[in-house]
């Protein structure tokens, strides 16, 4: 089965040479599409969420919930001191700027 999957996908995975993968000229069209898309996006303002709001959200989260976009589980977030949690909030807020 593994060989059949590899035989099917190999032409896709290995279609580009190393030079094609790293040559900027090969990526110009893709980069122009991405740049055009990014330029069209409206500016989003994300308010900074307080430590108290984070603690409330953590309390409401189910114990077996998957890790969130921050990469931490409920148990891990609960184990953080207020100072450590505030540091995490500050770091994540930088991504919203």
N, C-alpha and C. Protein backbone atom coordinates (compact mmCIF):
# COMPACT_ATOMS: atom_id res chain seq x y z
N UNK A 1 0.82 -1.19 0.00
CA UNK A 1 0.00 0.00 0.00
C UNK A 1 0.87 1.26 0.00
N UNK A 2 1.89 1.25 0.85
CA UNK A 2 2.80 2.39 0.92
C UNK A 2 3.43 2.66 -0.44
N UNK A 3 3.84 1.62 -1.13
CA UNK A 3 4.47 1.79 -2.44
C UNK A 3 3.49 2.38 -3.45
N UNK A 4 2.25 1.96 -3.38
CA UNK A 4 1.24 2.49 -4.31
C UNK A 4 1.00 3.98 -4.07
N UNK A 5 0.97 4.38 -2.80
CA UNK A 5 0.81 5.79 -2.47
C UNK A 5 2.02 6.58 -2.97
N UNK A 6 3.20 6.04 -2.72
CA UNK A 6 4.42 6.73 -3.16
C UNK A 6 4.46 6.81 -4.69
N UNK A 7 4.09 5.75 -5.39
CA UNK A 7 4.08 5.77 -6.86
C UNK A 7 3.10 6.82 -7.38
N UNK A 8 1.96 6.97 -6.72
CA UNK A 8 0.97 7.94 -7.16
C UNK A 8 1.44 9.38 -6.94
N UNK A 9 1.95 9.66 -5.74
CA UNK A 9 2.29 11.04 -5.38
C UNK A 9 3.68 11.48 -5.82
N UNK A 10 4.58 10.56 -6.05
CA UNK A 10 5.95 10.90 -6.40
C UNK A 10 6.08 11.87 -7.57
N UNK A 11 5.31 11.71 -8.65
CA UNK A 11 5.43 12.69 -9.73
C UNK A 11 5.05 14.11 -9.30
N UNK A 12 4.17 14.25 -8.35
CA UNK A 12 3.80 15.58 -7.85
C UNK A 12 4.87 16.12 -6.90
N UNK A 13 5.30 15.25 -5.99
CA UNK A 13 6.28 15.67 -4.99
C UNK A 13 7.63 16.01 -5.62
N UNK A 14 7.99 15.29 -6.66
CA UNK A 14 9.33 15.42 -7.24
C UNK A 14 9.35 16.10 -8.60
N UNK A 15 8.32 16.84 -8.93
CA UNK A 15 8.24 17.43 -10.27
C UNK A 15 9.21 18.59 -10.46
N UNK A 16 9.53 19.32 -9.40
CA UNK A 16 10.40 20.49 -9.52
C UNK A 16 11.83 20.13 -9.15
N UNK A 17 12.76 20.68 -9.91
CA UNK A 17 14.17 20.49 -9.57
C UNK A 17 14.49 21.38 -8.36
N UNK A 18 15.61 21.14 -7.75
CA UNK A 18 16.05 21.97 -6.63
C UNK A 18 16.17 23.42 -7.09
N UNK A 19 16.70 23.62 -8.28
CA UNK A 19 16.84 24.99 -8.80
C UNK A 19 15.47 25.64 -8.95
N UNK A 20 14.48 24.89 -9.48
CA UNK A 20 13.13 25.44 -9.61
C UNK A 20 12.55 25.82 -8.25
N UNK A 21 12.85 25.04 -7.24
CA UNK A 21 12.31 25.30 -5.91
C UNK A 21 12.92 26.53 -5.26
N UNK A 22 14.15 26.87 -5.62
CA UNK A 22 14.85 27.95 -4.94
C UNK A 22 15.07 29.18 -5.81
N UNK A 23 14.77 29.10 -7.09
CA UNK A 23 14.98 30.22 -8.01
C UNK A 23 13.83 31.21 -7.89
N UNK A 24 14.15 32.45 -7.52
CA UNK A 24 13.12 33.48 -7.34
C UNK A 24 12.27 33.69 -8.59
N UNK A 25 12.87 33.57 -9.77
CA UNK A 25 12.12 33.77 -11.01
C UNK A 25 10.98 32.77 -11.15
N UNK A 26 11.15 31.58 -10.62
CA UNK A 26 10.12 30.55 -10.72
C UNK A 26 8.90 30.88 -9.85
N UNK A 27 9.08 31.75 -8.87
CA UNK A 27 8.03 32.05 -7.90
C UNK A 27 7.37 33.40 -8.13
N UNK A 28 7.78 34.16 -9.15
CA UNK A 28 7.26 35.51 -9.35
C UNK A 28 5.74 35.53 -9.48
N UNK A 29 5.17 34.66 -10.29
CA UNK A 29 3.71 34.64 -10.49
C UNK A 29 2.99 34.35 -9.17
N UNK A 30 3.48 33.37 -8.45
CA UNK A 30 2.84 33.02 -7.18
C UNK A 30 2.95 34.16 -6.18
N UNK A 31 4.11 34.79 -6.12
CA UNK A 31 4.30 35.90 -5.18
C UNK A 31 3.43 37.10 -5.54
N UNK A 32 3.25 37.37 -6.82
CA UNK A 32 2.37 38.47 -7.24
C UNK A 32 0.93 38.20 -6.84
N UNK A 33 0.48 36.96 -6.97
CA UNK A 33 -0.88 36.61 -6.56
C UNK A 33 -1.04 36.81 -5.06
N UNK A 34 -0.07 36.34 -4.29
CA UNK A 34 -0.13 36.46 -2.84
C UNK A 34 -0.09 37.93 -2.43
N UNK A 35 0.81 38.70 -3.02
CA UNK A 35 0.90 40.12 -2.68
C UNK A 35 -0.39 40.85 -3.00
N UNK A 36 -1.00 40.53 -4.14
CA UNK A 36 -2.28 41.15 -4.50
C UNK A 36 -3.37 40.80 -3.51
N UNK A 37 -3.38 39.57 -3.06
CA UNK A 37 -4.37 39.14 -2.08
C UNK A 37 -4.18 39.86 -0.76
N UNK A 38 -2.94 39.95 -0.31
CA UNK A 38 -2.64 40.60 0.97
C UNK A 38 -3.01 42.08 0.91
N UNK A 39 -2.72 42.73 -0.21
CA UNK A 39 -3.04 44.16 -0.34
C UNK A 39 -4.54 44.42 -0.29
N UNK A 40 -5.35 43.45 -0.68
CA UNK A 40 -6.79 43.64 -0.73
C UNK A 40 -7.47 43.39 0.62
N UNK A 41 -6.74 42.87 1.57
CA UNK A 41 -7.34 42.53 2.86
C UNK A 41 -7.56 43.78 3.70
N UNK A 42 -8.72 43.87 4.33
CA UNK A 42 -8.96 45.02 5.19
C UNK A 42 -8.10 44.92 6.45
N UNK A 43 -7.81 46.06 7.02
CA UNK A 43 -7.05 46.07 8.26
C UNK A 43 -7.96 45.58 9.38
N UNK A 44 -7.45 44.72 10.19
CA UNK A 44 -8.23 44.14 11.28
C UNK A 44 -7.68 44.67 12.59
N UNK A 45 -8.57 45.14 13.42
CA UNK A 45 -8.16 45.61 14.73
C UNK A 45 -8.61 44.58 15.77
N UNK A 46 -7.65 44.01 16.44
CA UNK A 46 -7.95 43.00 17.45
C UNK A 46 -7.64 43.60 18.81
N UNK A 47 -8.66 43.73 19.65
CA UNK A 47 -8.42 44.34 20.95
C UNK A 47 -7.56 43.43 21.84
N UNK A 48 -6.76 44.04 22.66
CA UNK A 48 -5.95 43.28 23.61
C UNK A 48 -6.90 42.70 24.66
N UNK A 49 -6.76 41.43 24.91
CA UNK A 49 -7.63 40.75 25.87
C UNK A 49 -6.94 40.73 27.22
N UNK A 50 -7.68 41.06 28.25
CA UNK A 50 -7.11 41.16 29.59
C UNK A 50 -6.81 39.79 30.19
N UNK A 51 -5.98 39.82 31.20
CA UNK A 51 -5.64 38.61 31.94
C UNK A 51 -6.91 37.97 32.51
N UNK A 52 -7.80 38.80 33.04
CA UNK A 52 -9.05 38.28 33.63
C UNK A 52 -9.90 37.59 32.56
N UNK A 53 -9.95 38.16 31.37
CA UNK A 53 -10.73 37.55 30.28
C UNK A 53 -10.12 36.21 29.87
N UNK A 54 -8.79 36.14 29.85
CA UNK A 54 -8.12 34.88 29.53
C UNK A 54 -8.45 33.83 30.59
N UNK A 55 -8.34 34.22 31.87
CA UNK A 55 -8.63 33.26 32.95
C UNK A 55 -10.08 32.77 32.84
N UNK A 56 -11.01 33.67 32.54
CA UNK A 56 -12.42 33.27 32.39
C UNK A 56 -12.58 32.31 31.22
N UNK A 57 -11.91 32.59 30.12
CA UNK A 57 -12.00 31.72 28.95
C UNK A 57 -11.39 30.35 29.24
N UNK A 58 -10.28 30.34 29.97
CA UNK A 58 -9.65 29.07 30.34
C UNK A 58 -10.58 28.25 31.23
N UNK A 59 -11.24 28.92 32.20
CA UNK A 59 -12.17 28.21 33.09
C UNK A 59 -13.31 27.58 32.30
N UNK A 60 -13.80 28.27 31.27
CA UNK A 60 -14.94 27.78 30.48
C UNK A 60 -14.55 26.68 29.49
N UNK A 61 -13.27 26.54 29.22
CA UNK A 61 -12.81 25.56 28.24
C UNK A 61 -12.94 24.15 28.81
N UNK A 62 -13.44 23.24 27.98
CA UNK A 62 -13.58 21.85 28.42
C UNK A 62 -12.19 21.24 28.59
N UNK A 63 -12.09 20.34 29.55
CA UNK A 63 -10.80 19.74 29.90
C UNK A 63 -10.17 19.00 28.72
N UNK A 64 -10.97 18.32 27.92
CA UNK A 64 -10.42 17.51 26.83
C UNK A 64 -10.38 18.25 25.50
N UNK A 65 -10.56 19.56 25.54
CA UNK A 65 -10.49 20.36 24.32
C UNK A 65 -9.07 20.33 23.76
N UNK A 66 -8.98 20.30 22.43
CA UNK A 66 -7.67 20.31 21.77
C UNK A 66 -6.94 21.62 22.08
N UNK A 67 -5.63 21.60 21.91
CA UNK A 67 -4.85 22.81 22.12
C UNK A 67 -5.32 23.90 21.17
N UNK A 68 -5.28 25.12 21.63
CA UNK A 68 -5.72 26.23 20.82
C UNK A 68 -4.61 26.77 19.93
N UNK A 69 -4.88 27.89 19.29
CA UNK A 69 -3.90 28.49 18.38
C UNK A 69 -2.65 28.95 19.12
N UNK A 70 -2.75 29.13 20.42
CA UNK A 70 -1.58 29.52 21.21
C UNK A 70 -0.64 28.32 21.41
N UNK A 71 -1.13 27.11 21.17
CA UNK A 71 -0.30 25.92 21.30
C UNK A 71 -0.32 25.28 22.68
N UNK A 72 -1.15 25.81 23.58
CA UNK A 72 -1.20 25.31 24.94
C UNK A 72 -2.52 24.61 25.22
N UNK A 73 -2.48 23.59 26.05
CA UNK A 73 -3.70 22.91 26.49
C UNK A 73 -4.29 23.67 27.67
N UNK A 74 -5.51 23.31 28.04
CA UNK A 74 -6.15 23.95 29.19
C UNK A 74 -5.31 23.72 30.46
N UNK A 75 -4.83 22.51 30.65
CA UNK A 75 -4.03 22.20 31.84
C UNK A 75 -2.75 23.04 31.87
N UNK A 76 -2.13 23.20 30.70
CA UNK A 76 -0.90 23.99 30.66
C UNK A 76 -1.19 25.46 30.96
N UNK A 77 -2.27 26.00 30.40
CA UNK A 77 -2.63 27.39 30.67
C UNK A 77 -2.98 27.59 32.14
N UNK A 78 -3.69 26.63 32.72
CA UNK A 78 -4.05 26.71 34.14
C UNK A 78 -2.83 26.70 35.04
N UNK A 79 -1.77 26.03 34.60
CA UNK A 79 -0.58 25.92 35.44
C UNK A 79 0.28 27.19 35.41
N UNK A 80 0.00 28.12 34.49
CA UNK A 80 0.79 29.34 34.40
C UNK A 80 0.42 30.32 35.51
N UNK A 81 1.43 30.96 36.05
CA UNK A 81 1.18 32.03 37.01
C UNK A 81 0.58 33.22 36.25
N UNK A 82 0.03 34.18 36.97
CA UNK A 82 -0.51 35.37 36.32
C UNK A 82 0.57 36.09 35.51
N UNK A 83 1.76 36.14 36.05
CA UNK A 83 2.87 36.82 35.35
C UNK A 83 3.20 36.09 34.05
N UNK A 84 3.29 34.77 34.11
CA UNK A 84 3.61 33.99 32.91
C UNK A 84 2.48 34.08 31.88
N UNK A 85 1.23 34.03 32.35
CA UNK A 85 0.10 34.13 31.44
C UNK A 85 0.07 35.52 30.79
N UNK A 86 0.36 36.55 31.56
CA UNK A 86 0.40 37.91 31.00
C UNK A 86 1.51 38.02 29.96
N UNK A 87 2.64 37.38 30.21
CA UNK A 87 3.72 37.36 29.22
C UNK A 87 3.25 36.70 27.93
N UNK A 88 2.54 35.59 28.05
CA UNK A 88 2.00 34.90 26.88
C UNK A 88 1.01 35.79 26.13
N UNK A 89 0.14 36.45 26.85
CA UNK A 89 -0.83 37.37 26.24
C UNK A 89 -0.09 38.47 25.48
N UNK A 90 0.95 39.02 26.09
CA UNK A 90 1.73 40.08 25.45
C UNK A 90 2.39 39.59 24.18
N UNK A 91 2.95 38.38 24.22
CA UNK A 91 3.61 37.81 23.04
C UNK A 91 2.59 37.60 21.93
N UNK A 92 1.45 36.99 22.25
CA UNK A 92 0.43 36.72 21.24
C UNK A 92 -0.17 38.02 20.70
N UNK A 93 -0.25 39.03 21.53
CA UNK A 93 -0.78 40.33 21.09
C UNK A 93 0.12 40.96 20.04
N UNK A 94 1.42 40.68 20.09
CA UNK A 94 2.35 41.22 19.11
C UNK A 94 2.01 40.72 17.71
N UNK A 95 1.47 39.51 17.61
CA UNK A 95 1.10 38.96 16.30
C UNK A 95 -0.11 39.67 15.72
N UNK A 96 -0.92 40.28 16.56
CA UNK A 96 -2.12 40.97 16.11
C UNK A 96 -1.83 42.39 15.66
N UNK A 97 -0.63 42.87 15.90
CA UNK A 97 -0.29 44.26 15.54
C UNK A 97 -0.06 44.39 14.05
